[in-house]
């Protein structure tokens, strides 16, 4: 993650996470370490995966104390193995103890997403289909979770509601139909914005093509219906497949020539990667 971007956009969320965990004081740490002592602790991977979020991990500690040093032996996107020492954190023992859980929460969550995403990306190798995430993210974690998807080899769909036009079923109902919704979006949104329409059946696909949608999402369709939809679209719009797409079923749609497949599971169902801070040493 670009350091400037991190500090401008992510610091407020990291501060909130720290304040959630330390709203007054760290009673346990202050009890056993009432005064400054310098020390170090190792960051150890406890299972194989893809690491993501090292800059966020470090920022947790440097927000507590700018003098904290994190020396990493790996970088985001690297494959890591069980038992591998990923970094050594050096500084005030009180900071190492108080920042541990928040720092690990970020690193475990982001690395889990990168690992899961990478496993899905590998299933798409050799096809034209690109993997996208969704806005089904943890509140307050979107910037971190979408970054982790990219580290894992996936691509980001729109970041938020200001980032692009996606006309879903309720937008279409509100506008009175697919054509009306597309026309309203064309009239309102800047001309540089692409217009994507979510469709649920072949009639909606035909309407979206005739209305001039740039991207047509095929939502919760069977492979046979998706194949017919791709035939109807015939290259007049880009195609996206969505709806309950997981690592287990994604391969069934790779032969259809879909441009994009989006999966909320990348961010809402990825398990964490088990990582720990161990072997704390207090310097004399």
Protein backbone atom coordinates (compact mmCIF):
# COMPACT_ATOMS: atom_id res chain seq x y z
CA UNK A 1 0.00 0.00 0.00
CA UNK A 2 1.32 3.44 -0.90
CA UNK A 3 2.47 5.08 2.39
CA UNK A 4 0.81 8.40 1.55
CA UNK A 5 -2.49 6.72 0.70
CA UNK A 6 -2.30 4.68 3.87
CA UNK A 7 -1.75 7.67 6.13
CA UNK A 8 -4.41 9.82 4.42
CA UNK A 9 -7.14 7.21 4.13
CA UNK A 10 -6.35 4.41 6.56
CA UNK A 11 -4.98 6.12 9.67
CA UNK A 12 -8.42 7.16 10.90
CA UNK A 13 -9.63 3.56 10.77
CA UNK A 14 -6.53 2.24 12.50
CA UNK A 15 -6.91 4.87 15.23
CA UNK A 16 -10.53 3.84 15.71
CA UNK A 17 -9.48 0.20 16.05
CA UNK A 18 -6.85 1.12 18.62
CA UNK A 19 -9.30 3.28 20.55
CA UNK A 20 -11.78 0.39 20.53
CA UNK A 21 -9.16 -1.85 22.17
CA UNK A 22 -7.55 0.76 24.48
CA UNK A 23 -10.27 3.20 25.53
CA UNK A 24 -8.51 4.12 28.76
CA UNK A 25 -5.44 2.00 29.45
CA UNK A 26 -4.03 -1.47 28.90
CA UNK A 27 -4.40 -2.72 32.47
CA UNK A 28 -2.59 -6.02 31.88
CA UNK A 29 0.45 -4.44 30.24
CA UNK A 30 0.73 -1.58 32.72
CA UNK A 31 0.60 -4.09 35.56
CA UNK A 32 3.58 -6.14 34.34
CA UNK A 33 5.51 -3.34 32.60
CA UNK A 34 4.89 -0.04 34.39
CA UNK A 35 7.92 1.72 32.84
CA UNK A 36 9.78 1.82 29.54
CA UNK A 37 11.80 -1.25 28.63
CA UNK A 38 13.04 -2.00 25.15
CA UNK A 39 12.44 -5.39 23.59
CA UNK A 40 11.55 -7.33 20.48
CA UNK A 41 9.05 -9.93 19.33
CA UNK A 42 8.88 -12.19 16.27
CA UNK A 43 6.03 -12.28 13.77
CA UNK A 44 5.53 -15.96 12.93
CA UNK A 45 3.33 -17.56 10.28
CA UNK A 46 1.40 -20.57 11.54
CA UNK A 47 0.01 -21.79 8.20
CA UNK A 48 0.80 -21.48 4.49
CA UNK A 49 -0.70 -18.56 2.57
CA UNK A 50 -0.24 -15.19 0.91
CA UNK A 51 0.81 -12.31 3.15
CA UNK A 52 -0.96 -8.95 2.88
CA UNK A 53 -1.14 -5.90 5.13
CA UNK A 54 2.41 -5.55 6.43
CA UNK A 55 2.31 -1.76 6.16
CA UNK A 56 -0.94 -1.66 8.15
CA UNK A 57 0.54 -4.03 10.73
CA UNK A 58 3.52 -1.69 11.11
CA UNK A 59 1.35 1.43 11.23
CA UNK A 60 -0.52 0.16 14.28
CA UNK A 61 2.72 0.18 16.26
CA UNK A 62 4.10 3.45 14.87
CA UNK A 63 0.86 5.24 15.69
CA UNK A 64 1.37 4.16 19.30
CA UNK A 65 5.07 5.06 19.18
CA UNK A 66 6.89 6.40 16.08
CA UNK A 67 10.14 4.89 17.40
CA UNK A 68 8.87 1.32 16.93
CA UNK A 69 10.77 -0.58 14.21
CA UNK A 70 9.33 -3.41 12.11
CA UNK A 71 11.91 -5.29 10.06
CA UNK A 72 10.16 -7.55 7.56
CA UNK A 73 11.75 -10.48 5.75
CA UNK A 74 8.85 -10.73 3.27
CA UNK A 75 6.67 -8.30 1.31
CA UNK A 76 2.97 -8.17 0.50
CA UNK A 77 2.04 -10.77 -2.10
CA UNK A 78 4.73 -13.24 -1.08
CA UNK A 79 3.87 -16.87 -0.40
CA UNK A 80 4.63 -17.67 3.23
CA UNK A 81 5.01 -20.99 4.98
CA UNK A 82 4.08 -22.40 8.36
CA UNK A 83 6.82 -21.66 10.91
CA UNK A 84 8.38 -18.85 8.86
CA UNK A 85 9.52 -15.71 10.71
CA UNK A 86 8.00 -12.83 8.76
CA UNK A 87 9.26 -9.87 10.76
CA UNK A 88 10.83 -8.70 14.01
CA UNK A 89 9.17 -5.83 15.88
CA UNK A 90 11.45 -3.79 18.16
CA UNK A 91 10.52 -1.03 20.58
CA UNK A 92 8.89 -0.16 23.88
CA UNK A 93 7.59 -3.41 25.39
CA UNK A 94 4.38 -1.63 26.39
CA UNK A 95 3.73 -0.72 22.75
CA UNK A 96 4.46 -4.25 21.53
CA UNK A 97 2.01 -5.70 24.04
CA UNK A 98 -0.74 -3.10 23.62
CA UNK A 99 -0.66 -3.04 19.82
CA UNK A 100 -0.37 -6.79 19.32
CA UNK A 101 -4.02 -7.77 18.88
CA UNK A 102 -5.03 -4.84 16.66
CA UNK A 103 -1.99 -5.30 14.43
CA UNK A 104 -2.60 -9.03 14.11
CA UNK A 105 -6.32 -8.56 13.47
CA UNK A 106 -5.50 -6.49 10.39
CA UNK A 107 -2.71 -8.74 9.15
CA UNK A 108 -4.61 -12.00 9.68
CA UNK A 109 -7.76 -10.67 8.01
CA UNK A 110 -5.98 -9.14 5.02
CA UNK A 111 -3.71 -12.15 4.52
CA UNK A 112 -6.71 -14.48 4.69
CA UNK A 113 -8.46 -12.53 1.95
CA UNK A 114 -5.32 -12.46 -0.20
CA UNK A 115 -4.87 -16.20 0.28
CA UNK A 116 -8.49 -17.06 -0.58
CA UNK A 117 -8.49 -14.68 -3.56
CA UNK A 118 -5.29 -16.19 -4.90
CA UNK A 119 -6.79 -19.68 -4.75
CA UNK A 120 -9.75 -18.52 -6.86
CA UNK A 121 -7.55 -16.60 -9.32
CA UNK A 122 -5.62 -19.80 -9.99
CA UNK A 123 -8.88 -21.49 -11.05
CA UNK A 124 -9.30 -18.81 -13.74
CA UNK A 125 -5.81 -19.15 -15.20
CA UNK A 126 -5.88 -19.71 -18.95
CA UNK A 127 -9.32 -18.11 -19.35
CA UNK A 128 -10.36 -14.60 -20.36
CA UNK A 129 -12.35 -14.13 -17.15
CA UNK A 130 -11.11 -11.68 -14.51
CA UNK A 131 -12.02 -11.96 -10.83
CA UNK A 132 -13.70 -9.00 -9.10
CA UNK A 133 -14.61 -8.27 -5.50
CA UNK A 134 -17.83 -6.56 -4.36
CA UNK A 135 -18.97 -4.00 -1.77
CA UNK A 136 -19.81 -6.85 0.64
CA UNK A 137 -17.05 -5.75 2.98
CA UNK A 138 -16.74 -5.33 6.74
CA UNK A 139 -17.74 -1.79 7.78
CA UNK A 140 -14.60 0.24 8.40
CA UNK A 141 -12.44 -2.38 6.67
CA UNK A 142 -13.14 -1.77 2.98
CA UNK A 143 -9.88 -0.02 2.14
CA UNK A 144 -7.94 -2.89 3.71
CA UNK A 145 -10.05 -5.73 2.32
CA UNK A 146 -10.10 -4.44 -1.25
CA UNK A 147 -6.34 -3.90 -1.11
CA UNK A 148 -5.95 -7.50 0.04
CA UNK A 149 -7.97 -8.71 -2.96
CA UNK A 150 -5.50 -6.99 -5.28
CA UNK A 151 -2.55 -8.49 -3.42
CA UNK A 152 -4.13 -11.91 -3.99
CA UNK A 153 -4.32 -11.29 -7.73
CA UNK A 154 -7.95 -10.21 -8.00
CA UNK A 155 -9.36 -6.93 -9.32
CA UNK A 156 -11.50 -4.34 -7.59
CA UNK A 157 -15.06 -3.58 -8.64
CA UNK A 158 -16.22 -0.07 -7.70
CA UNK A 159 -14.91 1.10 -4.33
CA UNK A 160 -18.09 2.84 -3.22
CA UNK A 161 -21.36 4.31 -4.49
CA UNK A 162 -19.59 7.38 -5.88
CA UNK A 163 -17.25 5.26 -7.96
CA UNK A 164 -19.52 4.01 -10.74
CA UNK A 165 -23.05 3.33 -11.97
CA UNK A 166 -24.50 -0.09 -11.17
CA UNK A 167 -28.25 -0.32 -11.70
CA UNK A 168 -29.57 -3.16 -9.56
CA UNK A 169 -33.08 -4.59 -9.32
CA UNK A 170 -34.38 -1.93 -6.95
CA UNK A 171 -32.94 0.91 -9.07
CA UNK A 172 -34.67 -0.58 -12.10
CA UNK A 173 -37.96 -0.90 -10.20
CA UNK A 174 -37.66 2.69 -8.98
CA UNK A 175 -37.04 3.97 -12.52
CA UNK A 176 -39.84 1.93 -14.07
CA UNK A 177 -37.74 -0.44 -16.18
CA UNK A 178 -34.31 -1.20 -17.58
CA UNK A 179 -34.44 1.32 -20.42
CA UNK A 180 -35.70 4.08 -18.16
CA UNK A 181 -32.97 3.38 -15.59
CA UNK A 182 -30.21 3.41 -18.22
CA UNK A 183 -31.51 6.60 -19.80
CA UNK A 184 -31.69 8.30 -16.39
CA UNK A 185 -28.12 7.21 -15.59
CA UNK A 186 -26.85 8.48 -18.95
CA UNK A 187 -28.53 11.85 -18.35
CA UNK A 188 -27.25 12.24 -14.79
CA UNK A 189 -23.83 10.61 -14.54
CA UNK A 190 -20.67 12.13 -16.10
CA UNK A 191 -20.14 10.87 -19.64
CA UNK A 192 -16.92 9.12 -18.60
CA UNK A 193 -18.87 6.74 -16.34
CA UNK A 194 -19.75 3.32 -17.66
CA UNK A 195 -23.26 2.11 -16.94
CA UNK A 196 -23.68 -1.43 -15.63
CA UNK A 197 -27.06 -3.15 -15.38
CA UNK A 198 -27.89 -6.15 -13.21
CA UNK A 199 -30.13 -8.63 -15.03
CA UNK A 200 -31.99 -11.64 -13.68
CA UNK A 201 -33.43 -13.20 -16.85
CA UNK A 202 -33.04 -13.16 -20.62
CA UNK A 203 -35.75 -10.53 -21.14
CA UNK A 204 -33.80 -8.13 -18.96
CA UNK A 205 -30.62 -9.01 -20.87
CA UNK A 206 -32.30 -8.04 -24.15
CA UNK A 207 -33.58 -4.79 -22.63
CA UNK A 208 -30.12 -3.92 -21.30
CA UNK A 209 -28.50 -4.54 -24.69
CA UNK A 210 -31.11 -2.44 -26.49
CA UNK A 211 -30.73 0.35 -23.93
CA UNK A 212 -26.98 0.50 -24.60
CA UNK A 213 -25.63 -0.68 -21.25
CA UNK A 214 -21.82 -0.85 -21.16
CA UNK A 215 -21.68 -3.84 -18.80
CA UNK A 216 -24.39 -6.43 -18.21
CA UNK A 217 -24.32 -8.41 -15.00
CA UNK A 218 -25.80 -11.90 -15.18
CA UNK A 219 -27.09 -12.41 -11.67
CA UNK A 220 -27.85 -15.85 -10.22
CA UNK A 221 -28.30 -17.48 -13.61
CA UNK A 222 -27.72 -21.14 -14.42
CA UNK A 223 -24.85 -21.95 -16.80
CA UNK A 224 -27.31 -22.71 -19.63
CA UNK A 225 -29.09 -19.37 -19.21
CA UNK A 226 -25.75 -17.53 -18.97
CA UNK A 227 -24.62 -19.15 -22.21
CA UNK A 228 -27.78 -17.91 -23.94
CA UNK A 229 -27.29 -14.44 -22.43
CA UNK A 230 -23.73 -14.24 -23.78
CA UNK A 231 -25.11 -15.23 -27.20
CA UNK A 232 -27.72 -12.46 -27.03
CA UNK A 233 -25.19 -9.83 -25.96
CA UNK A 234 -22.80 -10.94 -28.73
CA UNK A 235 -20.00 -8.57 -27.74
CA UNK A 236 -22.20 -5.46 -27.61
CA UNK A 237 -21.47 -5.09 -23.90
CA UNK A 238 -19.03 -6.51 -21.40
CA UNK A 239 -20.36 -9.32 -19.27
CA UNK A 240 -20.14 -9.99 -15.56
CA UNK A 241 -21.36 -13.06 -13.72
CA UNK A 242 -22.41 -12.72 -10.08
CA UNK A 243 -24.43 -14.42 -7.39
CA UNK A 244 -23.19 -17.05 -4.93
CA UNK A 245 -19.88 -17.44 -6.75
CA UNK A 246 -17.34 -19.31 -4.63
CA UNK A 247 -14.09 -21.19 -5.10
CA UNK A 248 -16.08 -24.42 -5.25
CA UNK A 249 -18.36 -23.53 -8.19
CA UNK A 250 -16.49 -20.92 -10.18
CA UNK A 251 -15.06 -23.33 -12.74
CA UNK A 252 -18.49 -24.13 -14.16
CA UNK A 253 -18.69 -20.67 -15.78
CA UNK A 254 -15.15 -20.27 -17.11
CA UNK A 255 -15.98 -21.86 -20.46
CA UNK A 256 -18.74 -19.36 -21.24
CA UNK A 257 -16.50 -16.47 -22.25
CA UNK A 258 -17.64 -14.18 -19.40
CA UNK A 259 -15.45 -11.07 -19.07
CA UNK A 260 -15.71 -10.74 -15.29
CA UNK A 261 -16.88 -12.80 -12.37
CA UNK A 262 -17.60 -11.03 -9.08
CA UNK A 263 -17.63 -12.78 -5.73
CA UNK A 264 -18.63 -11.38 -2.37
CA UNK A 265 -17.09 -14.46 -0.80
CA UNK A 266 -13.62 -12.98 -1.33
CA UNK A 267 -14.25 -10.51 1.46
CA UNK A 268 -17.15 -11.90 3.48
CA UNK A 269 -16.18 -15.57 3.68
CA UNK A 270 -12.38 -15.78 3.56
CA UNK A 271 -10.93 -17.34 6.73
CA UNK A 272 -8.10 -15.53 8.47
CA UNK A 273 -4.49 -16.61 7.99
CA UNK A 274 -3.12 -17.75 11.34
CA UNK A 275 -0.21 -15.47 12.32
CA UNK A 276 1.19 -14.78 15.79
CA UNK A 277 3.62 -12.59 17.69
CA UNK A 278 5.86 -14.90 19.71
CA UNK A 279 9.17 -15.15 21.60
CA UNK A 280 9.11 -11.73 23.28
CA UNK A 281 12.53 -10.68 24.53
CA UNK A 282 13.17 -7.90 27.03
CA UNK A 283 16.52 -6.18 26.58
CA UNK A 284 18.70 -5.52 29.59
